[in-house]
Amino acid sequence: MSLMSCLKLLTLTHMGATDIYLTASEACGRLRVSRETLRRLIASGEIEAYKAGPYLTSPYRIPEGAIADYLGRHRAGPAAGEAA
């Protein structure tokens, strides 16, 4: 893994588990949404995110698990009228 890749991924070790935090751009790519849509999802609480600094302009970091949780809740189910 290159140095730039290592810098882009912020990993935090918490009680023996490693959580991977994505940048907003990486999260947008995985969700296939715009930055504005990602901002709305974060503001509404649908996606968990953390500020990476104390300032209003500090970037967000999104846990990889939060992306998986959101996608799991919003997967397309069977069409109306079809048996599950």
Foldseek 3Di string as FASTA:
>chain_A
DDPVVVVQWDWDADPNDIWTWHFLVVLCVVVVHDSVVVVVCCVVVLFPWDFPDDDPPGTIIGTPVSSVVSCVVPPDDDDPPDDD
